[in-house]
Amino acid sequence: MIAVAMPSDIADLLVAEGLAIRPGGRGSTAEIVVVGFSALNATISLLQGPDTFLRLTELVRNNFGRSRGVTVEIKANGDSVTIEIPGDADVVSVAHRVREVLLGDDE
């Protein structure tokens, strides 16, 4: 599991879908920030199931940037990485990049 702080709307949906649990981790926590939006954050423990990162990416795009896209900043493993999620993005490839950053597999 990965402890991640993210907009609470997204966290609530992931928990409801069984892709994350509360409470979040007590150790180091990654953070997902949606650039240009103010949102309350919630920390959850993100489960590493086969659809978790794909659904996370879909929820961020659909809730914050369906038509024009959205930029997220992911702070994890001592790094800060900015990822663009265009409204017409290939969500699978973006989800793969999100997974790499959160798990520290960033190359």
PDB file of N, CA and C in Angstrom:
ATOM      1  N   MET A   1       0.836  -1.183   0.000  1.00  0.00           N
ATOM      2  CA  MET A   1       0.000   0.000   0.000  1.00  0.00           C
ATOM      3  C   MET A   1       0.877   1.241   0.000  1.00  0.00           C
ATOM      4  N   ILE A   2       0.363   2.281  -0.596  1.00  0.00           N
ATOM      5  CA  ILE A   2       1.073   3.547  -0.676  1.00  0.00           C
ATOM      6  C   ILE A   2       0.209   4.608  -0.008  1.00  0.00           C
ATOM      7  N   ALA A   3       0.763   5.306   0.975  1.00  0.00           N
ATOM      8  CA  ALA A   3       0.042   6.413   1.602  1.00  0.00           C
ATOM      9  C   ALA A   3       0.133   7.619   0.685  1.00  0.00           C
ATOM     10  N   VAL A   4      -1.030   8.162   0.317  1.00  0.00           N
ATOM     11  CA  VAL A   4      -1.069   9.282  -0.618  1.00  0.00           C
ATOM     12  C   VAL A   4      -2.073  10.323  -0.129  1.00  0.00           C
ATOM     13  N   ALA A   5      -1.635  11.587  -0.074  1.00  0.00           N
ATOM     14  CA  ALA A   5      -2.537  12.703   0.196  1.00  0.00           C
ATOM     15  C   ALA A   5      -3.011  13.214  -1.160  1.00  0.00           C
ATOM     16  N   MET A   6      -4.320  13.396  -1.294  1.00  0.00           N
ATOM     17  CA  MET A   6      -4.898  13.829  -2.569  1.00  0.00           C
ATOM     18  C   MET A   6      -6.203  14.549  -2.292  1.00  0.00           C
ATOM     19  N   PRO A   7      -6.793  15.197  -3.308  1.00  0.00           N
ATOM     20  CA  PRO A   7      -8.082  15.850  -3.094  1.00  0.00           C
ATOM     21  C   PRO A   7      -9.085  14.855  -2.498  1.00  0.00           C
ATOM     22  N   SER A   8      -9.794  15.294  -1.468  1.00  0.00           N
ATOM     23  CA  SER A   8     -10.674  14.386  -0.732  1.00  0.00           C
ATOM     24  C   SER A   8     -11.774  13.791  -1.594  1.00  0.00           C
ATOM     25  N   ASP A   9     -12.259  14.522  -2.610  1.00  0.00           N
ATOM     26  CA  ASP A   9     -13.288  13.969  -3.503  1.00  0.00           C
ATOM     27  C   ASP A   9     -12.783  12.709  -4.202  1.00  0.00           C
ATOM     28  N   ILE A  10     -11.542  12.755  -4.667  1.00  0.00           N
ATOM     29  CA  ILE A  10     -10.947  11.608  -5.350  1.00  0.00           C
ATOM     30  C   ILE A  10     -10.694  10.482  -4.347  1.00  0.00           C
ATOM     31  N   ALA A  11     -10.172  10.837  -3.171  1.00  0.00           N
ATOM     32  CA  ALA A  11      -9.909   9.841  -2.129  1.00  0.00           C
ATOM     33  C   ALA A  11     -11.191   9.110  -1.749  1.00  0.00           C
ATOM     34  N   ASP A  12     -12.279   9.850  -1.563  1.00  0.00           N
ATOM     35  CA  ASP A  12     -13.559   9.244  -1.190  1.00  0.00           C
ATOM     36  C   ASP A  12     -14.026   8.243  -2.242  1.00  0.00           C
ATOM     37  N   LEU A  13     -13.886   8.597  -3.520  1.00  0.00           N
ATOM     38  CA  LEU A  13     -14.312   7.701  -4.600  1.00  0.00           C
ATOM     39  C   LEU A  13     -13.457   6.436  -4.647  1.00  0.00           C
ATOM     40  N   LEU A  14     -12.139   6.575  -4.460  1.00  0.00           N
ATOM     41  CA  LEU A  14     -11.260   5.401  -4.466  1.00  0.00           C
ATOM     42  C   LEU A  14     -11.576   4.463  -3.313  1.00  0.00           C
ATOM     43  N   VAL A  15     -11.862   5.019  -2.136  1.00  0.00           N
ATOM     44  CA  VAL A  15     -12.233   4.197  -0.985  1.00  0.00           C
ATOM     45  C   VAL A  15     -13.560   3.491  -1.259  1.00  0.00           C
ATOM     46  N   ALA A  16     -14.537   4.223  -1.797  1.00  0.00           N
ATOM     47  CA  ALA A  16     -15.849   3.645  -2.095  1.00  0.00           C
ATOM     48  C   ALA A  16     -15.747   2.501  -3.106  1.00  0.00           C
ATOM     49  N   GLU A  17     -14.792   2.594  -4.030  1.00  0.00           N
ATOM     50  CA  GLU A  17     -14.616   1.563  -5.051  1.00  0.00           C
ATOM     51  C   GLU A  17     -13.714   0.419  -4.592  1.00  0.00           C
ATOM     52  N   GLY A  18     -13.224   0.492  -3.343  1.00  0.00           N
ATOM     53  CA  GLY A  18     -12.392  -0.572  -2.802  1.00  0.00           C
ATOM     54  C   GLY A  18     -10.955  -0.553  -3.290  1.00  0.00           C
ATOM     55  N   LEU A  19     -10.508   0.585  -3.836  1.00  0.00           N
ATOM     56  CA  LEU A  19      -9.139   0.697  -4.342  1.00  0.00           C
ATOM     57  C   LEU A  19      -8.199   1.361  -3.346  1.00  0.00           C
ATOM     58  N   ALA A  20      -8.747   1.790  -2.214  1.00  0.00           N
ATOM     59  CA  ALA A  20      -7.953   2.426  -1.161  1.00  0.00           C
ATOM     60  C   ALA A  20      -8.678   2.202   0.162  1.00  0.00           C
ATOM     61  N   ILE A  21      -7.938   2.390   1.244  1.00  0.00           N
ATOM     62  CA  ILE A  21      -8.537   2.268   2.568  1.00  0.00           C
ATOM     63  C   ILE A  21      -8.154   3.468   3.420  1.00  0.00           C
ATOM     64  N   ARG A  22      -8.929   3.691   4.468  1.00  0.00           N
ATOM     65  CA  ARG A  22      -8.612   4.706   5.473  1.00  0.00           C
ATOM     66  C   ARG A  22      -8.261   3.977   6.742  1.00  0.00           C
ATOM     67  N   PRO A  23      -7.516   4.458   7.644  1.00  0.00           N
ATOM     68  CA  PRO A  23      -6.763   5.704   7.531  1.00  0.00           C
ATOM     69  C   PRO A  23      -5.537   5.510   6.660  1.00  0.00           C
ATOM     70  N   GLY A  24      -4.971   6.631   6.259  1.00  0.00           N
ATOM     71  CA  GLY A  24      -3.756   6.603   5.451  1.00  0.00           C
ATOM     72  C   GLY A  24      -2.562   6.177   6.288  1.00  0.00           C
ATOM     73  N   GLY A  25      -1.443   6.033   5.628  1.00  0.00           N
ATOM     74  CA  GLY A  25      -0.228   5.590   6.303  1.00  0.00           C
ATOM     75  C   GLY A  25       0.295   6.590   7.311  1.00  0.00           C
ATOM     76  N   ARG A  26       1.119   6.083   8.188  1.00  0.00           N
ATOM     77  CA  ARG A  26       1.692   6.930   9.233  1.00  0.00           C
ATOM     78  C   ARG A  26       3.126   7.355   8.897  1.00  0.00           C
ATOM     79  N   GLY A  27       3.754   6.695   7.967  1.00  0.00           N
ATOM     80  CA  GLY A  27       5.123   7.017   7.596  1.00  0.00           C
ATOM     81  C   GLY A  27       5.166   8.116   6.557  1.00  0.00           C
ATOM     82  N   SER A  28       6.093   7.985   5.614  1.00  0.00           N
ATOM     83  CA  SER A  28       6.176   8.999   4.575  1.00  0.00           C
ATOM     84  C   SER A  28       4.963   8.889   3.662  1.00  0.00           C
ATOM     85  N   THR A  29       4.514  10.037   3.210  1.00  0.00           N
ATOM     86  CA  THR A  29       3.300  10.106   2.410  1.00  0.00           C
ATOM     87  C   THR A  29       3.584  10.823   1.106  1.00  0.00           C
ATOM     88  N   ALA A  30       3.152  10.222   0.017  1.00  0.00           N
ATOM     89  CA  ALA A  30       3.219  10.892  -1.284  1.00  0.00           C
ATOM     90  C   ALA A  30       2.073  11.884  -1.338  1.00  0.00           C
ATOM     91  N   GLU A  31       2.141  12.804  -2.284  1.00  0.00           N
ATOM     92  CA  GLU A  31       1.077  13.798  -2.416  1.00  0.00           C
ATOM     93  C   GLU A  31       0.775  14.031  -3.878  1.00  0.00           C
ATOM     94  N   ILE A  32      -0.524  14.101  -4.193  1.00  0.00           N
ATOM     95  CA  ILE A  32      -0.970  14.449  -5.536  1.00  0.00           C
ATOM     96  C   ILE A  32      -1.665  15.797  -5.436  1.00  0.00           C
ATOM     97  N   VAL A  33      -1.131  16.775  -6.158  1.00  0.00           N
ATOM     98  CA  VAL A  33      -1.687  18.126  -6.168  1.00  0.00           C
ATOM     99  C   VAL A  33      -2.214  18.410  -7.566  1.00  0.00           C
ATOM    100  N   VAL A  34      -3.465  18.836  -7.659  1.00  0.00           N
ATOM    101  CA  VAL A  34      -4.041  19.223  -8.946  1.00  0.00           C
ATOM    102  C   VAL A  34      -3.740  20.704  -9.122  1.00  0.00           C
ATOM    103  N   VAL A  35      -2.884  21.031 -10.083  1.00  0.00           N
ATOM    104  CA  VAL A  35      -2.404  22.396 -10.294  1.00  0.00           C
ATOM    105  C   VAL A  35      -3.572  23.299 -10.704  1.00  0.00           C
ATOM    106  N   GLY A  36      -3.694  24.437 -10.007  1.00  0.00           N
ATOM    107  CA  GLY A  36      -4.718  25.411 -10.330  1.00  0.00           C
ATOM    108  C   GLY A  36      -6.038  25.208  -9.610  1.00  0.00           C
ATOM    109  N   PHE A  37      -6.130  24.204  -8.743  1.00  0.00           N
ATOM    110  CA  PHE A  37      -7.361  23.945  -8.005  1.00  0.00           C
ATOM    111  C   PHE A  37      -7.058  23.913  -6.519  1.00  0.00           C
ATOM    112  N   SER A  38      -7.977  24.435  -5.745  1.00  0.00           N
ATOM    113  CA  SER A  38      -7.892  24.340  -4.294  1.00  0.00           C
ATOM    114  C   SER A  38      -8.850  23.253  -3.856  1.00  0.00           C
ATOM    115  N   ALA A  39      -8.356  22.320  -3.089  1.00  0.00           N
ATOM    116  CA  ALA A  39      -9.215  21.231  -2.627  1.00  0.00           C
ATOM    117  C   ALA A  39      -8.735  20.761  -1.269  1.00  0.00           C
ATOM    118  N   LEU A  40      -9.674  20.328  -0.449  1.00  0.00           N
ATOM    119  CA  LEU A  40      -9.306  19.705   0.816  1.00  0.00           C
ATOM    120  C   LEU A  40      -8.612  18.393   0.506  1.00  0.00           C
ATOM    121  N   ASN A  41      -7.558  18.086   1.248  1.00  0.00           N
ATOM    122  CA  ASN A  41      -6.839  16.839   1.037  1.00  0.00           C
ATOM    123  C   ASN A  41      -7.236  15.810   2.078  1.00  0.00           C
ATOM    124  N   ALA A  42      -7.155  14.560   1.683  1.00  0.00           N
ATOM    125  CA  ALA A  42      -7.336  13.430   2.586  1.00  0.00           C
ATOM    126  C   ALA A  42      -6.200  12.456   2.292  1.00  0.00           C
ATOM    127  N   THR A  43      -5.717  11.801   3.325  1.00  0.00           N
ATOM    128  CA  THR A  43      -4.667  10.807   3.135  1.00  0.00           C
ATOM    129  C   THR A  43      -5.293   9.423   3.220  1.00  0.00           C
ATOM    130  N   ILE A  44      -5.006   8.617   2.220  1.00  0.00           N
ATOM    131  CA  ILE A  44      -5.517   7.252   2.164  1.00  0.00           C
ATOM    132  C   ILE A  44      -4.358   6.308   1.883  1.00  0.00           C
ATOM    133  N   SER A  45      -4.593   5.038   2.085  1.00  0.00           N
ATOM    134  CA  SER A  45      -3.630   4.018   1.679  1.00  0.00           C
ATOM    135  C   SER A  45      -4.124   3.428   0.373  1.00  0.00           C
ATOM    136  N   LEU A  46      -3.398   3.693  -0.677  1.00  0.00           N
ATOM    137  CA  LEU A  46      -3.765   3.266  -2.019  1.00  0.00           C
ATOM    138  C   LEU A  46      -3.332   1.818  -2.209  1.00  0.00           C
ATOM    139  N   LEU A  47      -4.274   0.952  -2.541  1.00  0.00           N
ATOM    140  CA  LEU A  47      -3.960  -0.449  -2.788  1.00  0.00           C
ATOM    141  C   LEU A  47      -3.338  -0.581  -4.166  1.00  0.00           C
ATOM    142  N   GLN A  48      -2.461  -1.537  -4.340  1.00  0.00           N
ATOM    143  CA  GLN A  48      -1.732  -1.664  -5.607  1.00  0.00           C
ATOM    144  C   GLN A  48      -2.345  -2.725  -6.510  1.00  0.00           C
ATOM    145  N   GLY A  49      -3.655  -2.677  -6.667  1.00  0.00           N
ATOM    146  CA  GLY A  49      -4.350  -3.612  -7.550  1.00  0.00           C
ATOM    147  C   GLY A  49      -4.135  -3.260  -9.003  1.00  0.00           C
ATOM    148  N   PRO A  50      -4.544  -4.141  -9.903  1.00  0.00           N
ATOM    149  CA  PRO A  50      -4.291  -3.925 -11.330  1.00  0.00           C
ATOM    150  C   PRO A  50      -4.985  -2.697 -11.916  1.00  0.00           C
ATOM    151  N   ASP A  51      -6.103  -2.270 -11.353  1.00  0.00           N
ATOM    152  CA  ASP A  51      -6.844  -1.135 -11.903  1.00  0.00           C
ATOM    153  C   ASP A  51      -6.707   0.155 -11.104  1.00  0.00           C
ATOM    154  N   THR A  52      -5.967   0.124 -10.006  1.00  0.00           N
ATOM    155  CA  THR A  52      -5.913   1.267  -9.097  1.00  0.00           C
ATOM    156  C   THR A  52      -5.391   2.531  -9.763  1.00  0.00           C
ATOM    157  N   PHE A  53      -4.259   2.458 -10.424  1.00  0.00           N
ATOM    158  CA  PHE A  53      -3.642   3.660 -10.999  1.00  0.00           C
ATOM    159  C   PHE A  53      -4.424   4.164 -12.208  1.00  0.00           C
ATOM    160  N   LEU A  54      -5.001   3.245 -12.967  1.00  0.00           N
ATOM    161  CA  LEU A  54      -5.848   3.632 -14.089  1.00  0.00           C
ATOM    162  C   LEU A  54      -7.071   4.386 -13.580  1.00  0.00           C
ATOM    163  N   ARG A  55      -7.721   3.857 -12.553  1.00  0.00           N
ATOM    164  CA  ARG A  55      -8.921   4.516 -12.019  1.00  0.00           C
ATOM    165  C   ARG A  55      -8.571   5.855 -11.390  1.00  0.00           C
ATOM    166  N   LEU A  56      -7.454   5.938 -10.672  1.00  0.00           N
ATOM    167  CA  LEU A  56      -7.005   7.196 -10.080  1.00  0.00           C
ATOM    168  C   LEU A  56      -6.837   8.256 -11.167  1.00  0.00           C
ATOM    169  N   THR A  57      -6.170   7.902 -12.258  1.00  0.00           N
ATOM    170  CA  THR A  57      -5.941   8.838 -13.358  1.00  0.00           C
ATOM    171  C   THR A  57      -7.258   9.263 -14.004  1.00  0.00           C
ATOM    172  N   GLU A  58      -8.170   8.309 -14.216  1.00  0.00           N
ATOM    173  CA  GLU A  58      -9.479   8.636 -14.782  1.00  0.00           C
ATOM    174  C   GLU A  58     -10.246   9.597 -13.885  1.00  0.00           C
ATOM    175  N   LEU A  59     -10.236   9.346 -12.578  1.00  0.00           N
ATOM    176  CA  LEU A  59     -10.974  10.199 -11.646  1.00  0.00           C
ATOM    177  C   LEU A  59     -10.427  11.617 -11.620  1.00  0.00           C
ATOM    178  N   VAL A  60      -9.107  11.753 -11.624  1.00  0.00           N
ATOM    179  CA  VAL A  60      -8.509  13.094 -11.632  1.00  0.00           C
ATOM    180  C   VAL A  60      -8.903  13.826 -12.909  1.00  0.00           C
ATOM    181  N   ARG A  61      -8.752  13.166 -14.045  1.00  0.00           N
ATOM    182  CA  ARG A  61      -9.107  13.806 -15.318  1.00  0.00           C
ATOM    183  C   ARG A  61     -10.593  14.148 -15.373  1.00  0.00           C
ATOM    184  N   ASN A  62     -11.448  13.218 -15.012  1.00  0.00           N
ATOM    185  CA  ASN A  62     -12.887  13.431 -15.116  1.00  0.00           C
ATOM    186  C   ASN A  62     -13.409  14.477 -14.145  1.00  0.00           C
ATOM    187  N   ASN A  63     -12.799  14.586 -12.970  1.00  0.00           N
ATOM    188  CA  ASN A  63     -13.275  15.535 -11.968  1.00  0.00           C
ATOM    189  C   ASN A  63     -12.670  16.922 -12.097  1.00  0.00           C
ATOM    190  N   PHE A  64     -11.485  17.023 -12.702  1.00  0.00           N
ATOM    191  CA  PHE A  64     -10.813  18.314 -12.748  1.00  0.00           C
ATOM    192  C   PHE A  64     -10.500  18.814 -14.156  1.00  0.00           C
ATOM    193  N   GLY A  65     -10.497  17.955 -15.170  1.00  0.00           N
ATOM    194  CA  GLY A  65     -10.079  18.438 -16.478  1.00  0.00           C
ATOM    195  C   GLY A  65     -10.629  17.682 -17.658  1.00  0.00           C
ATOM    196  N   ARG A  66     -11.876  17.299 -17.592  1.00  0.00           N
ATOM    197  CA  ARG A  66     -12.453  16.463 -18.649  1.00  0.00           C
ATOM    198  C   ARG A  66     -12.271  17.073 -20.042  1.00  0.00           C
ATOM    199  N   SER A  67     -12.581  18.342 -20.211  1.00  0.00           N
ATOM    200  CA  SER A  67     -12.535  18.913 -21.558  1.00  0.00           C
ATOM    201  C   SER A  67     -11.180  19.522 -21.901  1.00  0.00           C
ATOM    202  N   ARG A  68     -10.585  20.225 -20.986  1.00  0.00           N
ATOM    203  CA  ARG A  68      -9.353  20.947 -21.303  1.00  0.00           C
ATOM    204  C   ARG A  68      -8.095  20.268 -20.776  1.00  0.00           C
ATOM    205  N   GLY A  69      -8.259  19.225 -19.999  1.00  0.00           N
ATOM    206  CA  GLY A  69      -7.110  18.550 -19.419  1.00  0.00           C
ATOM    207  C   GLY A  69      -6.748  19.152 -18.068  1.00  0.00           C
ATOM    208  N   VAL A  70      -5.773  18.556 -17.434  1.00  0.00           N
ATOM    209  CA  VAL A  70      -5.373  18.989 -16.101  1.00  0.00           C
ATOM    210  C   VAL A  70      -3.901  18.637 -15.896  1.00  0.00           C
ATOM    211  N   THR A  71      -3.255  19.388 -15.035  1.00  0.00           N
ATOM    212  CA  THR A  71      -1.865  19.120 -14.669  1.00  0.00           C
ATOM    213  C   THR A  71      -1.830  18.702 -13.209  1.00  0.00           C
ATOM    214  N   VAL A  72      -1.107  17.641 -12.924  1.00  0.00           N
ATOM    215  CA  VAL A  72      -0.933  17.224 -11.533  1.00  0.00           C
ATOM    216  C   VAL A  72       0.545  17.242 -11.194  1.00  0.00           C
ATOM    217  N   GLU A  73       0.809  17.540  -9.955  1.00  0.00           N
ATOM    218  CA  GLU A  73       2.169  17.460  -9.430  1.00  0.00           C
ATOM    219  C   GLU A  73       2.169  16.351  -8.400  1.00  0.00           C
ATOM    220  N   ILE A  74       3.043  15.390  -8.592  1.00  0.00           N
ATOM    221  CA  ILE A  74       3.142  14.274  -7.661  1.00  0.00           C
ATOM    222  C   ILE A  74       4.458  14.403  -6.919  1.00  0.00           C
ATOM    223  N   LYS A  75       4.337  14.458  -5.594  1.00  0.00           N
ATOM    224  CA  LYS A  75       5.523  14.526  -4.741  1.00  0.00           C
ATOM    225  C   LYS A  75       5.651  13.173  -4.056  1.00  0.00           C
ATOM    226  N   ALA A  76       6.732  12.462  -4.396  1.00  0.00           N
ATOM    227  CA  ALA A  76       6.938  11.124  -3.850  1.00  0.00           C
ATOM    228  C   ALA A  76       8.413  10.771  -3.913  1.00  0.00           C
ATOM    229  N   ASN A  77       8.846  10.009  -2.948  1.00  0.00           N
ATOM    230  CA  ASN A  77      10.214   9.491  -2.932  1.00  0.00           C
ATOM    231  C   ASN A  77      11.274  10.586  -3.063  1.00  0.00           C
ATOM    232  N   GLY A  78      11.005  11.744  -2.471  1.00  0.00           N
ATOM    233  CA  GLY A  78      11.950  12.846  -2.495  1.00  0.00           C
ATOM    234  C   GLY A  78      11.964  13.650  -3.784  1.00  0.00           C
ATOM    235  N   ASP A  79      11.105  13.320  -4.723  1.00  0.00           N
ATOM    236  CA  ASP A  79      11.041  14.024  -6.003  1.00  0.00           C
ATOM    237  C   ASP A  79       9.694  14.704  -6.176  1.00  0.00           C
ATOM    238  N   SER A  80       9.659  15.643  -7.094  1.00  0.00           N
ATOM    239  CA  SER A  80       8.415  16.289  -7.486  1.00  0.00           C
ATOM    240  C   SER A  80       8.330  16.212  -9.005  1.00  0.00           C
ATOM    241  N   VAL A  81       7.279  15.559  -9.507  1.00  0.00           N
ATOM    242  CA  VAL A  81       7.128  15.332 -10.947  1.00  0.00           C
ATOM    243  C   VAL A  81       5.796  15.919 -11.387  1.00  0.00           C
ATOM    244  N   THR A  82       5.824  16.668 -12.485  1.00  0.00           N
ATOM    245  CA  THR A  82       4.607  17.236 -13.059  1.00  0.00           C
ATOM    246  C   THR A  82       4.165  16.368 -14.232  1.00  0.00           C
ATOM    247  N   ILE A  83       2.882  16.029 -14.238  1.00  0.00           N
ATOM    248  CA  ILE A  83       2.320  15.183 -15.296  1.00  0.00           C
ATOM    249  C   ILE A  83       1.097  15.878 -15.872  1.00  0.00           C
ATOM    250  N   GLU A  84       1.080  16.006 -17.187  1.00  0.00           N
ATOM    251  CA  GLU A  84      -0.079  16.561 -17.894  1.00  0.00           C
ATOM    252  C   GLU A  84      -1.055  15.425 -18.183  1.00  0.00           C
ATOM    253  N   ILE A  85      -2.347  15.677 -17.934  1.00  0.00           N
ATOM    254  CA  ILE A  85      -3.387  14.718 -18.301  1.00  0.00           C
ATOM    255  C   ILE A  85      -4.341  15.445 -19.246  1.00  0.00           C
ATOM    256  N   PRO A  86      -4.088  15.379 -20.558  1.00  0.00           N
ATOM    257  CA  PRO A  86      -4.972  16.049 -21.511  1.00  0.00           C
ATOM    258  C   PRO A  86      -6.386  15.470 -21.451  1.00  0.00           C
ATOM    259  N   GLY A  87      -7.371  16.275 -21.830  1.00  0.00           N
ATOM    260  CA  GLY A  87      -8.749  15.812 -21.827  1.00  0.00           C
ATOM    261  C   GLY A  87      -8.966  14.612 -22.724  1.00  0.00           C
ATOM    262  N   ASP A  88      -8.169  14.506 -23.793  1.00  0.00           N
ATOM    263  CA  ASP A  88      -8.294  13.384 -24.716  1.00  0.00           C
ATOM    264  C   ASP A  88      -7.132  12.408 -24.545  1.00  0.00           C
ATOM    265  N   ALA A  89      -6.562  12.358 -23.366  1.00  0.00           N
ATOM    266  CA  ALA A  89      -5.359  11.561 -23.104  1.00  0.00           C
ATOM    267  C   ALA A  89      -5.606  10.072 -23.250  1.00  0.00           C
ATOM    268  N   ASP A  90      -4.542   9.371 -23.609  1.00  0.00           N
ATOM    269  CA  ASP A  90      -4.513   7.918 -23.509  1.00  0.00           C
ATOM    270  C   ASP A  90      -4.302   7.640 -22.025  1.00  0.00           C
ATOM    271  N   VAL A  91      -5.383   7.399 -21.330  1.00  0.00           N
ATOM    272  CA  VAL A  91      -5.345   7.295 -19.872  1.00  0.00           C
ATOM    273  C   VAL A  91      -4.447   6.144 -19.417  1.00  0.00           C
ATOM    274  N   VAL A  92      -4.341   5.095 -20.196  1.00  0.00           N
ATOM    275  CA  VAL A  92      -3.519   3.958 -19.818  1.00  0.00           C
ATOM    276  C   VAL A  92      -2.049   4.355 -19.713  1.00  0.00           C
ATOM    277  N   SER A  93      -1.531   5.097 -20.697  1.00  0.00           N
ATOM    278  CA  SER A  93      -0.118   5.491 -20.641  1.00  0.00           C
ATOM    279  C   SER A  93       0.128   6.510 -19.537  1.00  0.00           C
ATOM    280  N   VAL A  94      -0.816   7.420 -19.310  1.00  0.00           N
ATOM    281  CA  VAL A  94      -0.661   8.388 -18.217  1.00  0.00           C
ATOM    282  C   VAL A  94      -0.701   7.658 -16.872  1.00  0.00           C
ATOM    283  N   ALA A  95      -1.603   6.691 -16.727  1.00  0.00           N
ATOM    284  CA  ALA A  95      -1.708   5.913 -15.486  1.00  0.00           C
ATOM    285  C   ALA A  95      -0.409   5.161 -15.211  1.00  0.00           C
ATOM    286  N   HIS A  96       0.217   4.665 -16.269  1.00  0.00           N
ATOM    287  CA  HIS A  96       1.506   3.973 -16.117  1.00  0.00           C
ATOM    288  C   HIS A  96       2.558   4.935 -15.561  1.00  0.00           C
ATOM    289  N   ARG A  97       2.559   6.155 -16.058  1.00  0.00           N
ATOM    290  CA  ARG A  97       3.511   7.167 -15.573  1.00  0.00           C
ATOM    291  C   ARG A  97       3.230   7.529 -14.118  1.00  0.00           C
ATOM    292  N   VAL A  98       1.951   7.687 -13.752  1.00  0.00           N
ATOM    293  CA  VAL A  98       1.575   7.975 -12.365  1.00  0.00           C
ATOM    294  C   VAL A  98       2.063   6.848 -11.453  1.00  0.00           C
ATOM    295  N   ARG A  99       1.871   5.621 -11.882  1.00  0.00           N
ATOM    296  CA  ARG A  99       2.318   4.459 -11.105  1.00  0.00           C
ATOM    297  C   ARG A  99       3.834   4.492 -10.900  1.00  0.00           C
ATOM    298  N   GLU A 100       4.577   4.758 -11.968  1.00  0.00           N
ATOM    299  CA  GLU A 100       6.044   4.824 -11.876  1.00  0.00           C
ATOM    300  C   GLU A 100       6.495   5.840 -10.834  1.00  0.00           C
ATOM    301  N   VAL A 101       5.867   7.010 -10.861  1.00  0.00           N
ATOM    302  CA  VAL A 101       6.267   8.075  -9.945  1.00  0.00           C
ATOM    303  C   VAL A 101       5.927   7.702  -8.504  1.00  0.00           C
ATOM    304  N   LEU A 102       4.711   7.211  -8.274  1.00  0.00           N
ATOM    305  CA  LEU A 102       4.313   6.881  -6.907  1.00  0.00           C
ATOM    306  C   LEU A 102       5.092   5.719  -6.314  1.00  0.00           C
ATOM    307  N   LEU A 103       5.463   4.756  -7.153  1.00  0.00           N
ATOM    308  CA  LEU A 103       6.204   3.590  -6.656  1.00  0.00           C
ATOM    309  C   LEU A 103       7.714   3.793  -6.662  1.00  0.00           C
ATOM    310  N   GLY A 104       8.163   4.907  -7.215  1.00  0.00           N
ATOM    311  CA  GLY A 104       9.602   5.162  -7.239  1.00  0.00           C
ATOM    312  C   GLY A 104      10.308   4.428  -8.362  1.00  0.00           C
ATOM    313  N   ASP A 105       9.554   4.003  -9.377  1.00  0.00           N
ATOM    314  CA  ASP A 105      10.142   3.330 -10.536  1.00  0.00           C
ATOM    315  C   ASP A 105      10.456   4.316 -11.637  1.00  0.00           C
ATOM    316  N   ASP A 106      10.501   5.601 -11.306  1.00  0.00           N
ATOM    317  CA  ASP A 106      10.720   6.667 -12.272  1.00  0.00           C
ATOM    318  C   ASP A 106      12.100   6.525 -12.899  1.00  0.00           C
ATOM    319  N   GLU A 107      12.121   6.527 -14.216  1.00  0.00           N
ATOM    320  CA  GLU A 107      13.415   6.405 -14.919  1.00  0.00           C
ATOM    321  C   GLU A 107      13.801   7.688 -15.576  1.00  0.00           C
TER     322      GLU A 107
END
